[in-house]
C-alpha cells in the first residue's frame, strides 16, 4: 500500500474587510511532477471560479475565453516577477 503524502496545504485567510489571501505551503520533498499538477489544478479551479463570478455558464467558449485571459495575466505577472528578481 502506498503511503499518502501531503504535497500541498492551501487555504484562504481573511486579510481585510472584503479581501481574502490564498496561501500555498509545499513540502520540501515534493516531486516536481506533483507540484506541477497541483499548480495547474489550482489555476484550472481559479478559471472556473472566475467564470462563475462573472455570472456566466461554463461552456467551452466561456472556458476558452477565460483561459486566454488567465494565460495573458499569468504571462504578464511572471514576466514582472522575473524583471524584479533580475534587476541590473
Protein backbone atom coordinates (compact mmCIF):
# COMPACT_ATOMS: atom_id res chain seq x y z
CA UNK A 1 0.00 0.00 0.00
CA UNK A 2 1.35 3.40 -0.97
CA UNK A 3 1.82 5.93 1.79
CA UNK A 4 -0.23 9.07 1.41
CA UNK A 5 1.91 12.21 1.39
CA UNK A 6 0.61 15.69 1.80
CA UNK A 7 2.14 17.60 -1.09
CA UNK A 8 0.23 20.79 -0.62
CA UNK A 9 -1.58 22.74 2.01
CA UNK A 10 -3.66 25.52 0.51
CA UNK A 11 -6.09 27.74 2.34
CA UNK A 12 -7.81 31.15 2.31
CA UNK A 13 -7.42 33.72 5.07
CA UNK A 14 -9.26 36.96 5.64
CA UNK A 15 -6.84 39.87 5.21
CA UNK A 16 -9.27 42.77 5.40
CA UNK A 17 -12.94 43.55 5.28
CA UNK A 18 -13.53 42.11 1.83
CA UNK A 19 -10.16 40.67 0.82
CA UNK A 20 -9.01 37.09 1.13
CA UNK A 21 -5.45 35.83 0.82
CA UNK A 22 -4.65 32.46 -0.73
CA UNK A 23 -1.76 30.62 0.91
CA UNK A 24 0.08 27.64 -0.55
CA UNK A 25 2.57 25.63 1.50
CA UNK A 26 4.59 22.95 -0.27
CA UNK A 27 6.76 20.33 1.40
CA UNK A 28 10.48 20.12 0.58
CA UNK A 29 10.26 16.54 -0.63
CA UNK A 30 7.52 17.18 -3.21
CA UNK A 31 8.28 15.82 -6.66
CA UNK A 32 8.21 18.44 -9.42
CA UNK A 33 5.53 16.48 -11.34
CA UNK A 34 3.26 16.51 -8.31
CA UNK A 35 3.84 20.21 -7.76
CA UNK A 36 3.12 20.99 -11.43
CA UNK A 37 -0.13 19.02 -11.24
CA UNK A 38 -1.24 20.90 -8.13
CA UNK A 39 -0.40 24.28 -9.62
CA UNK A 40 -2.20 23.53 -12.89
CA UNK A 41 -5.21 22.18 -10.99
CA UNK A 42 -5.27 25.35 -8.88
CA UNK A 43 -5.22 27.53 -12.00
CA UNK A 44 -8.00 25.41 -13.52
CA UNK A 45 -10.10 25.89 -10.37
CA UNK A 46 -9.48 29.65 -10.43
CA UNK A 47 -10.60 29.83 -14.07
CA UNK A 48 -13.83 28.01 -13.24
CA UNK A 49 -14.37 30.34 -10.27
CA UNK A 50 -13.70 33.38 -12.49
CA UNK A 51 -16.35 32.24 -14.99
CA UNK A 52 -18.93 31.70 -12.24
CA UNK A 53 -18.16 35.05 -10.57
CA UNK A 54 -18.92 36.73 -13.88
CA UNK A 55 -22.34 35.09 -13.80
CA UNK A 56 -21.61 33.09 -16.94
CA UNK A 57 -22.38 29.47 -17.69
CA UNK A 58 -19.44 27.12 -18.01
CA UNK A 59 -19.21 26.29 -21.72
CA UNK A 60 -16.27 25.53 -23.99
CA UNK A 61 -16.47 29.09 -25.31
CA UNK A 62 -16.52 30.74 -21.87
CA UNK A 63 -13.78 28.43 -20.62
CA UNK A 64 -11.50 29.14 -23.60
CA UNK A 65 -12.05 32.88 -23.26
CA UNK A 66 -11.28 32.80 -19.52
CA UNK A 67 -8.25 30.57 -20.17
CA UNK A 68 -6.91 33.09 -22.70
CA UNK A 69 -7.39 35.92 -20.20
CA UNK A 70 -5.69 33.98 -17.40
CA UNK A 71 -2.81 32.97 -19.70
CA UNK A 72 -2.16 36.60 -20.58
CA UNK A 73 -2.37 37.67 -16.94
CA UNK A 74 -0.02 34.91 -15.77
CA UNK A 75 2.46 35.73 -18.54
CA UNK A 76 2.49 39.40 -17.51
CA UNK A 77 2.84 38.59 -13.80
CA UNK A 78 5.63 36.04 -14.27
CA UNK A 79 7.44 38.45 -16.58
CA UNK A 80 7.18 41.18 -13.94
CA UNK A 81 8.49 38.82 -11.25
CA UNK A 82 11.42 37.91 -13.50
CA UNK A 83 12.22 41.56 -14.16
CA UNK A 84 12.09 42.41 -10.44
CA UNK A 85 14.34 39.50 -9.47
CA UNK A 86 16.84 40.23 -12.25
CA UNK A 87 17.28 43.98 -11.91
CA UNK A 88 20.65 45.23 -13.02
